[in-house]
Every structure is written in C-alpha cells, then in structure tokens.
PDB file of N, CA and C in Angstrom:
ATOM      1  N   MET A   1      69.095   9.113   0.493  1.00  0.00           N
ATOM      2  CA  MET A   1      68.321   8.023   1.040  1.00  0.00           C
ATOM      3  C   MET A   1      67.221   7.639   0.058  1.00  0.00           C
ATOM      4  N   ARG A   2      66.841   6.388   0.113  1.00  0.00           N
ATOM      5  CA  ARG A   2      65.891   5.864  -0.865  1.00  0.00           C
ATOM      6  C   ARG A   2      64.511   5.554  -0.278  1.00  0.00           C
ATOM      7  N   LEU A   3      64.166   6.132   0.839  1.00  0.00           N
ATOM      8  CA  LEU A   3      62.894   5.808   1.479  1.00  0.00           C
ATOM      9  C   LEU A   3      61.693   6.121   0.589  1.00  0.00           C
ATOM     10  N   LYS A   4      61.691   7.293  -0.001  1.00  0.00           N
ATOM     11  CA  LYS A   4      60.554   7.702  -0.826  1.00  0.00           C
ATOM     12  C   LYS A   4      60.420   6.790  -2.039  1.00  0.00           C
ATOM     13  N   ASP A   5      61.531   6.476  -2.698  1.00  0.00           N
ATOM     14  CA  ASP A   5      61.487   5.597  -3.868  1.00  0.00           C
ATOM     15  C   ASP A   5      60.956   4.219  -3.502  1.00  0.00           C
ATOM     16  N   LEU A   6      61.437   3.657  -2.398  1.00  0.00           N
ATOM     17  CA  LEU A   6      60.963   2.340  -1.961  1.00  0.00           C
ATOM     18  C   LEU A   6      59.467   2.366  -1.674  1.00  0.00           C
ATOM     19  N   ARG A   7      59.032   3.393  -0.988  1.00  0.00           N
ATOM     20  CA  ARG A   7      57.607   3.498  -0.638  1.00  0.00           C
ATOM     21  C   ARG A   7      56.742   3.657  -1.883  1.00  0.00           C
ATOM     22  N   GLU A   8      57.146   4.554  -2.769  1.00  0.00           N
ATOM     23  CA  GLU A   8      56.352   4.798  -3.975  1.00  0.00           C
ATOM     24  C   GLU A   8      56.362   3.586  -4.902  1.00  0.00           C
ATOM     25  N   ASP A   9      57.490   2.896  -5.007  1.00  0.00           N
ATOM     26  CA  ASP A   9      57.560   1.691  -5.841  1.00  0.00           C
ATOM     27  C   ASP A   9      56.638   0.600  -5.320  1.00  0.00           C
ATOM     28  N   SER A  10      56.362   0.630  -4.028  1.00  0.00           N
ATOM     29  CA  SER A  10      55.472  -0.352  -3.407  1.00  0.00           C
ATOM     30  C   SER A  10      54.025   0.146  -3.324  1.00  0.00           C
ATOM     31  N   ASP A  11      53.767   1.350  -3.855  1.00  0.00           N
ATOM     32  CA  ASP A  11      52.423   1.967  -3.811  1.00  0.00           C
ATOM     33  C   ASP A  11      51.861   2.011  -2.395  1.00  0.00           C
ATOM     34  N   ILE A  12      52.691   2.496  -1.473  1.00  0.00           N
ATOM     35  CA  ILE A  12      52.289   2.607  -0.074  1.00  0.00           C
ATOM     36  C   ILE A  12      52.273   4.082   0.319  1.00  0.00           C
ATOM     37  N   LYS A  13      51.300   4.476   1.109  1.00  0.00           N
ATOM     38  CA  LYS A  13      51.207   5.851   1.590  1.00  0.00           C
ATOM     39  C   LYS A  13      52.092   6.058   2.815  1.00  0.00           C
ATOM     40  N   GLN A  14      52.535   7.284   3.015  1.00  0.00           N
ATOM     41  CA  GLN A  14      53.351   7.616   4.184  1.00  0.00           C
ATOM     42  C   GLN A  14      52.645   7.218   5.475  1.00  0.00           C
ATOM     43  N   LYS A  15      51.366   7.431   5.539  1.00  0.00           N
ATOM     44  CA  LYS A  15      50.590   7.120   6.748  1.00  0.00           C
ATOM     45  C   LYS A  15      50.682   5.633   7.080  1.00  0.00           C
ATOM     46  N   THR A  16      50.647   4.788   6.067  1.00  0.00           N
ATOM     47  CA  THR A  16      50.731   3.341   6.282  1.00  0.00           C
ATOM     48  C   THR A  16      52.073   2.964   6.898  1.00  0.00           C
ATOM     49  N   ILE A  17      53.150   3.524   6.367  1.00  0.00           N
ATOM     50  CA  ILE A  17      54.483   3.243   6.904  1.00  0.00           C
ATOM     51  C   ILE A  17      54.601   3.811   8.318  1.00  0.00           C
ATOM     52  N   ALA A  18      54.101   5.015   8.514  1.00  0.00           N
ATOM     53  CA  ALA A  18      54.153   5.631   9.845  1.00  0.00           C
ATOM     54  C   ALA A  18      53.410   4.782  10.869  1.00  0.00           C
ATOM     55  N   ASP A  19      52.256   4.265  10.496  1.00  0.00           N
ATOM     56  CA  ASP A  19      51.493   3.393  11.402  1.00  0.00           C
ATOM     57  C   ASP A  19      52.284   2.123  11.710  1.00  0.00           C
ATOM     58  N   PHE A  20      52.915   1.545  10.700  1.00  0.00           N
ATOM     59  CA  PHE A  20      53.734   0.346  10.897  1.00  0.00           C
ATOM     60  C   PHE A  20      54.860   0.612  11.894  1.00  0.00           C
ATOM     61  N   LEU A  21      55.447   1.813  11.806  1.00  0.00           N
ATOM     62  CA  LEU A  21      56.570   2.188  12.674  1.00  0.00           C
ATOM     63  C   LEU A  21      56.111   2.754  14.016  1.00  0.00           C
ATOM     64  N   HIS A  22      54.809   2.961  14.178  1.00  0.00           N
ATOM     65  CA  HIS A  22      54.230   3.554  15.394  1.00  0.00           C
ATOM     66  C   HIS A  22      54.760   4.970  15.627  1.00  0.00           C
ATOM     67  N   ILE A  23      54.775   5.743  14.539  1.00  0.00           N
ATOM     68  CA  ILE A  23      55.172   7.147  14.607  1.00  0.00           C
ATOM     69  C   ILE A  23      54.145   7.977  13.851  1.00  0.00           C
ATOM     70  N   LYS A  24      54.227   9.287  13.976  1.00  0.00           N
ATOM     71  CA  LYS A  24      53.314  10.176  13.260  1.00  0.00           C
ATOM     72  C   LYS A  24      53.749  10.291  11.800  1.00  0.00           C
ATOM     73  N   GLN A  25      52.763  10.540  10.937  1.00  0.00           N
ATOM     74  CA  GLN A  25      53.028  10.661   9.503  1.00  0.00           C
ATOM     75  C   GLN A  25      54.008  11.783   9.200  1.00  0.00           C
ATOM     76  N   ASN A  26      53.878  12.911   9.900  1.00  0.00           N
ATOM     77  CA  ASN A  26      54.779  14.030   9.618  1.00  0.00           C
ATOM     78  C   ASN A  26      56.219  13.715  10.041  1.00  0.00           C
ATOM     79  N   THR A  27      56.395  12.889  11.059  1.00  0.00           N
ATOM     80  CA  THR A  27      57.740  12.461  11.457  1.00  0.00           C
ATOM     81  C   THR A  27      58.347  11.610  10.357  1.00  0.00           C
ATOM     82  N   TYR A  28      57.555  10.669   9.832  1.00  0.00           N
ATOM     83  CA  TYR A  28      58.056   9.838   8.733  1.00  0.00           C
ATOM     84  C   TYR A  28      58.389  10.693   7.513  1.00  0.00           C
ATOM     85  N   SER A  29      57.549  11.662   7.216  1.00  0.00           N
ATOM     86  CA  SER A  29      57.798  12.564   6.094  1.00  0.00           C
ATOM     87  C   SER A  29      59.143  13.281   6.258  1.00  0.00           C
ATOM     88  N   GLN A  30      59.447  13.678   7.477  1.00  0.00           N
ATOM     89  CA  GLN A  30      60.724  14.347   7.741  1.00  0.00           C
ATOM     90  C   GLN A  30      61.902  13.398   7.520  1.00  0.00           C
ATOM     91  N   TYR A  31      61.730  12.112   7.804  1.00  0.00           N
ATOM     92  CA  TYR A  31      62.782  11.136   7.510  1.00  0.00           C
ATOM     93  C   TYR A  31      62.991  11.035   6.003  1.00  0.00           C
ATOM     94  N   GLU A  32      61.890  10.941   5.266  1.00  0.00           N
ATOM     95  CA  GLU A  32      61.973  10.824   3.808  1.00  0.00           C
ATOM     96  C   GLU A  32      62.650  12.032   3.178  1.00  0.00           C
ATOM     97  N   ASN A  33      62.385  13.199   3.707  1.00  0.00           N
ATOM     98  CA  ASN A  33      62.918  14.438   3.136  1.00  0.00           C
ATOM     99  C   ASN A  33      64.234  14.872   3.765  1.00  0.00           C
ATOM    100  N   CYS A  34      64.830  13.998   4.582  1.00  0.00           N
ATOM    101  CA  CYS A  34      66.120  14.266   5.250  1.00  0.00           C
ATOM    102  C   CYS A  34      66.078  15.531   6.105  1.00  0.00           C
ATOM    103  N   GLN A  35      64.907  15.832   6.649  1.00  0.00           N
ATOM    104  CA  GLN A  35      64.765  16.964   7.560  1.00  0.00           C
ATOM    105  C   GLN A  35      64.977  16.522   9.003  1.00  0.00           C
ATOM    106  N   ARG A  36      64.978  15.218   9.204  1.00  0.00           N
ATOM    107  CA  ARG A  36      65.173  14.638  10.532  1.00  0.00           C
ATOM    108  C   ARG A  36      66.034  13.398  10.360  1.00  0.00           C
ATOM    109  N   GLN A  37      66.967  13.192  11.268  1.00  0.00           N
ATOM    110  CA  GLN A  37      67.862  12.047  11.180  1.00  0.00           C
ATOM    111  C   GLN A  37      67.098  10.752  11.463  1.00  0.00           C
ATOM    112  N   LEU A  38      67.345   9.759  10.630  1.00  0.00           N
ATOM    113  CA  LEU A  38      66.675   8.473  10.749  1.00  0.00           C
ATOM    114  C   LEU A  38      67.335   7.639  11.843  1.00  0.00           C
ATOM    115  N   PRO A  39      66.599   7.295  12.913  1.00  0.00           N
ATOM    116  CA  PRO A  39      67.180   6.465  13.968  1.00  0.00           C
ATOM    117  C   PRO A  39      67.512   5.061  13.447  1.00  0.00           C
ATOM    118  N   ILE A  40      68.531   4.467  14.008  1.00  0.00           N
ATOM    119  CA  ILE A  40      68.984   3.153  13.552  1.00  0.00           C
ATOM    120  C   ILE A  40      67.889   2.104  13.685  1.00  0.00           C
ATOM    121  N   ASP A  41      67.130   2.129  14.770  1.00  0.00           N
ATOM    122  CA  ASP A  41      66.081   1.122  14.934  1.00  0.00           C
ATOM    123  C   ASP A  41      65.006   1.237  13.859  1.00  0.00           C
ATOM    124  N   ILE A  42      64.692   2.455  13.443  1.00  0.00           N
ATOM    125  CA  ILE A  42      63.719   2.669  12.370  1.00  0.00           C
ATOM    126  C   ILE A  42      64.321   2.206  11.039  1.00  0.00           C
ATOM    127  N   LEU A  43      65.581   2.509  10.817  1.00  0.00           N
ATOM    128  CA  LEU A  43      66.277   2.060   9.601  1.00  0.00           C
ATOM    129  C   LEU A  43      66.201   0.540   9.470  1.00  0.00           C
ATOM    130  N   ILE A  44      66.464  -0.158  10.554  1.00  0.00           N
ATOM    131  CA  ILE A  44      66.440  -1.623  10.536  1.00  0.00           C
ATOM    132  C   ILE A  44      65.023  -2.134  10.259  1.00  0.00           C
ATOM    133  N   GLN A  45      64.024  -1.525  10.893  1.00  0.00           N
ATOM    134  CA  GLN A  45      62.632  -1.931  10.656  1.00  0.00           C
ATOM    135  C   GLN A  45      62.238  -1.738   9.196  1.00  0.00           C
ATOM    136  N   LEU A  46      62.678  -0.618   8.613  1.00  0.00           N
ATOM    137  CA  LEU A  46      62.349  -0.342   7.214  1.00  0.00           C
ATOM    138  C   LEU A  46      63.062  -1.309   6.277  1.00  0.00           C
ATOM    139  N   ALA A  47      64.310  -1.648   6.581  1.00  0.00           N
ATOM    140  CA  ALA A  47      65.043  -2.614   5.762  1.00  0.00           C
ATOM    141  C   ALA A  47      64.332  -3.968   5.800  1.00  0.00           C
ATOM    142  N   ASP A  48      63.878  -4.378   6.975  1.00  0.00           N
ATOM    143  CA  ASP A  48      63.130  -5.626   7.092  1.00  0.00           C
ATOM    144  C   ASP A  48      61.797  -5.542   6.340  1.00  0.00           C
ATOM    145  N   PHE A  49      61.116  -4.429   6.468  1.00  0.00           N
ATOM    146  CA  PHE A  49      59.820  -4.240   5.814  1.00  0.00           C
ATOM    147  C   PHE A  49      59.941  -4.356   4.297  1.00  0.00           C
ATOM    148  N   TYR A  50      60.938  -3.683   3.727  1.00  0.00           N
ATOM    149  CA  TYR A  50      61.122  -3.678   2.278  1.00  0.00           C
ATOM    150  C   TYR A  50      61.994  -4.836   1.783  1.00  0.00           C
ATOM    151  N   ASN A  51      62.542  -5.624   2.719  1.00  0.00           N
ATOM    152  CA  ASN A  51      63.423  -6.743   2.395  1.00  0.00           C
ATOM    153  C   ASN A  51      64.627  -6.283   1.560  1.00  0.00           C
ATOM    154  N   VAL A  52      65.269  -5.223   2.048  1.00  0.00           N
ATOM    155  CA  VAL A  52      66.483  -4.691   1.429  1.00  0.00           C
ATOM    156  C   VAL A  52      67.517  -4.487   2.530  1.00  0.00           C
ATOM    157  N   SER A  53      68.742  -4.210   2.130  1.00  0.00           N
ATOM    158  CA  SER A  53      69.778  -3.945   3.131  1.00  0.00           C
ATOM    159  C   SER A  53      69.684  -2.495   3.611  1.00  0.00           C
ATOM    160  N   THR A  54      70.190  -2.258   4.794  1.00  0.00           N
ATOM    161  CA  THR A  54      70.251  -0.882   5.301  1.00  0.00           C
ATOM    162  C   THR A  54      71.166  -0.044   4.411  1.00  0.00           C
ATOM    163  N   ASP A  55      72.222  -0.652   3.893  1.00  0.00           N
ATOM    164  CA  ASP A  55      73.126   0.066   2.983  1.00  0.00           C
ATOM    165  C   ASP A  55      72.396   0.530   1.730  1.00  0.00           C
ATOM    166  N   TYR A  56      71.443  -0.273   1.244  1.00  0.00           N
ATOM    167  CA  TYR A  56      70.667   0.126   0.073  1.00  0.00           C
ATOM    168  C   TYR A  56      69.806   1.350   0.402  1.00  0.00           C
ATOM    169  N   ILE A  57      69.134   1.317   1.541  1.00  0.00           N
ATOM    170  CA  ILE A  57      68.297   2.456   1.937  1.00  0.00           C
ATOM    171  C   ILE A  57      69.139   3.722   2.040  1.00  0.00           C
ATOM    172  N   LEU A  58      70.344   3.597   2.589  1.00  0.00           N
ATOM    173  CA  LEU A  58      71.211   4.756   2.796  1.00  0.00           C
ATOM    174  C   LEU A  58      71.925   5.208   1.528  1.00  0.00           C
ATOM    175  N   GLY A  59      71.805   4.429   0.443  1.00  0.00           N
ATOM    176  CA  GLY A  59      72.433   4.807  -0.811  1.00  0.00           C
ATOM    177  C   GLY A  59      73.908   4.434  -0.896  1.00  0.00           C
ATOM    178  N   ILE A  60      74.363   3.560  -0.012  1.00  0.00           N
ATOM    179  CA  ILE A  60      75.763   3.138  -0.009  1.00  0.00           C
ATOM    180  C   ILE A  60      76.017   2.114  -1.112  1.00  0.00           C
ATOM    181  N   THR A  61      74.995   1.309  -1.425  1.00  0.00           N
ATOM    182  CA  THR A  61      75.103   0.297  -2.469  1.00  0.00           C
ATOM    183  C   THR A  61      73.856   0.317  -3.325  1.00  0.00           C
ATOM    184  N   ASP A  62      73.973  -0.214  -4.529  1.00  0.00           N
ATOM    185  CA  ASP A  62      72.811  -0.369  -5.405  1.00  0.00           C
ATOM    186  C   ASP A  62      72.247  -1.780  -5.340  1.00  0.00           C
ATOM    187  N   VAL A  63      72.833  -2.624  -4.512  1.00  0.00           N
ATOM    188  CA  VAL A  63      72.383  -4.006  -4.344  1.00  0.00           C
ATOM    189  C   VAL A  63      71.296  -4.034  -3.265  1.00  0.00           C
ATOM    190  N   LYS A  64      70.106  -4.450  -3.663  1.00  0.00           N
ATOM    191  CA  LYS A  64      68.980  -4.451  -2.722  1.00  0.00           C
ATOM    192  C   LYS A  64      69.032  -5.597  -1.724  1.00  0.00           C
ATOM    193  N   THR A  65      69.620  -6.716  -2.102  1.00  0.00           N
ATOM    194  CA  THR A  65      69.585  -7.931  -1.296  1.00  0.00           C
ATOM    195  C   THR A  65      70.101  -7.683   0.116  1.00  0.00           C
ATOM    196  N   PRO A  66      69.291  -8.020   1.117  1.00  0.00           N
ATOM    197  CA  PRO A  66      69.760  -7.842   2.496  1.00  0.00           C
ATOM    198  C   PRO A  66      70.826  -8.883   2.840  1.00  0.00           C
ATOM    199  N   TYR A  67      71.618  -8.550   3.820  1.00  0.00           N
ATOM    200  CA  TYR A  67      72.624  -9.488   4.300  1.00  0.00           C
ATOM    201  C   TYR A  67      71.921 -10.643   5.000  1.00  0.00           C
ATOM    202  N   PRO A  68      72.536 -11.843   4.966  1.00  0.00           N
ATOM    203  CA  PRO A  68      71.922 -12.957   5.710  1.00  0.00           C
ATOM    204  C   PRO A  68      71.929 -12.671   7.201  1.00  0.00           C
ATOM    205  N   LYS A  69      70.896 -13.133   7.873  1.00  0.00           N
ATOM    206  CA  LYS A  69      70.826 -12.941   9.327  1.00  0.00           C
ATOM    207  C   LYS A  69      71.860 -13.829   9.994  1.00  0.00           C
ATOM    208  N   ARG A  70      72.440 -13.345  11.059  1.00  0.00           N
ATOM    209  CA  ARG A  70      73.438 -14.087  11.802  1.00  0.00           C
ATOM    210  C   ARG A  70      72.743 -15.192  12.596  1.00  0.00           C
ATOM    211  N   ALA A  71      73.337 -16.367  12.566  1.00  0.00           N
ATOM    212  CA  ALA A  71      72.797 -17.476  13.348  1.00  0.00           C
ATOM    213  C   ALA A  71      73.002 -17.177  14.818  1.00  0.00           C
ATOM    214  N   GLN A  72      71.964 -17.412  15.614  1.00  0.00           N
ATOM    215  CA  GLN A  72      72.066 -17.124  17.040  1.00  0.00           C
ATOM    216  C   GLN A  72      72.812 -18.249  17.748  1.00  0.00           C
ATOM    217  N   ARG A  73      73.806 -17.849  18.535  1.00  0.00           N
ATOM    218  CA  ARG A  73      74.585 -18.820  19.287  1.00  0.00           C
ATOM    219  C   ARG A  73      73.945 -19.036  20.660  1.00  0.00           C
ATOM    220  N   LYS A  74      74.329 -20.126  21.319  1.00  0.00           N
ATOM    221  CA  LYS A  74      73.773 -20.445  22.640  1.00  0.00           C
ATOM    222  C   LYS A  74      74.062 -19.352  23.662  1.00  0.00           C
ATOM    223  N   ASN A  75      75.204 -18.679  23.547  1.00  0.00           N
ATOM    224  CA  ASN A  75      75.597 -17.657  24.515  1.00  0.00           C
ATOM    225  C   ASN A  75      74.902 -16.331  24.291  1.00  0.00           C
ATOM    226  N   ASP A  76      74.294 -16.129  23.109  1.00  0.00           N
ATOM    227  CA  ASP A  76      73.584 -14.875  22.819  1.00  0.00           C
ATOM    228  C   ASP A  76      72.259 -14.858  23.563  1.00  0.00           C
ATOM    229  N   SER A  77      71.917 -13.718  24.106  1.00  0.00           N
ATOM    230  CA  SER A  77      70.633 -13.612  24.801  1.00  0.00           C
ATOM    231  C   SER A  77      69.783 -12.564  24.164  1.00  0.00           C
TER     232      SER A  77
END
C-alpha cells in the first residue's frame, strides 16, 4: 500500500489525515503499516483526498489518475 508515500510526498502528518478521516492517529498508523485492514470507505476517502485511484493506493497500478466519476442517472438515489 502507498499510504505512507502519499502522505509524506504531501508533507502531511498522520494526525492531520486521522483528523480528516475522524479516526485516531494510532488507527491511521496501523493502516499505513498494514497492521489493520483498511476499510473500503476510508480507502475511497483517501483516494479522493489525494486525487488518485484506489488501485494506485493499493499498489495494483502505477497510474495515479483516478477513474472518472460515474454520471448520476435519474433512477439513482
């Protein structure tokens, strides 16, 4: 996972990210160090925060560009 690299490249402290996510700093640290499984909702928030794809954070691709957002249809709620 690339959480630590993204955070350090942006010169952001763990506490700042934890506050953004409304979690404790030590919980975020455990996500960064793969000591705790990263919940999907947190993964999505981090991808939006860093403007990268979830696949990039997970190390599946080296392409940072996020996927385009799906256009909302009238039937979607």
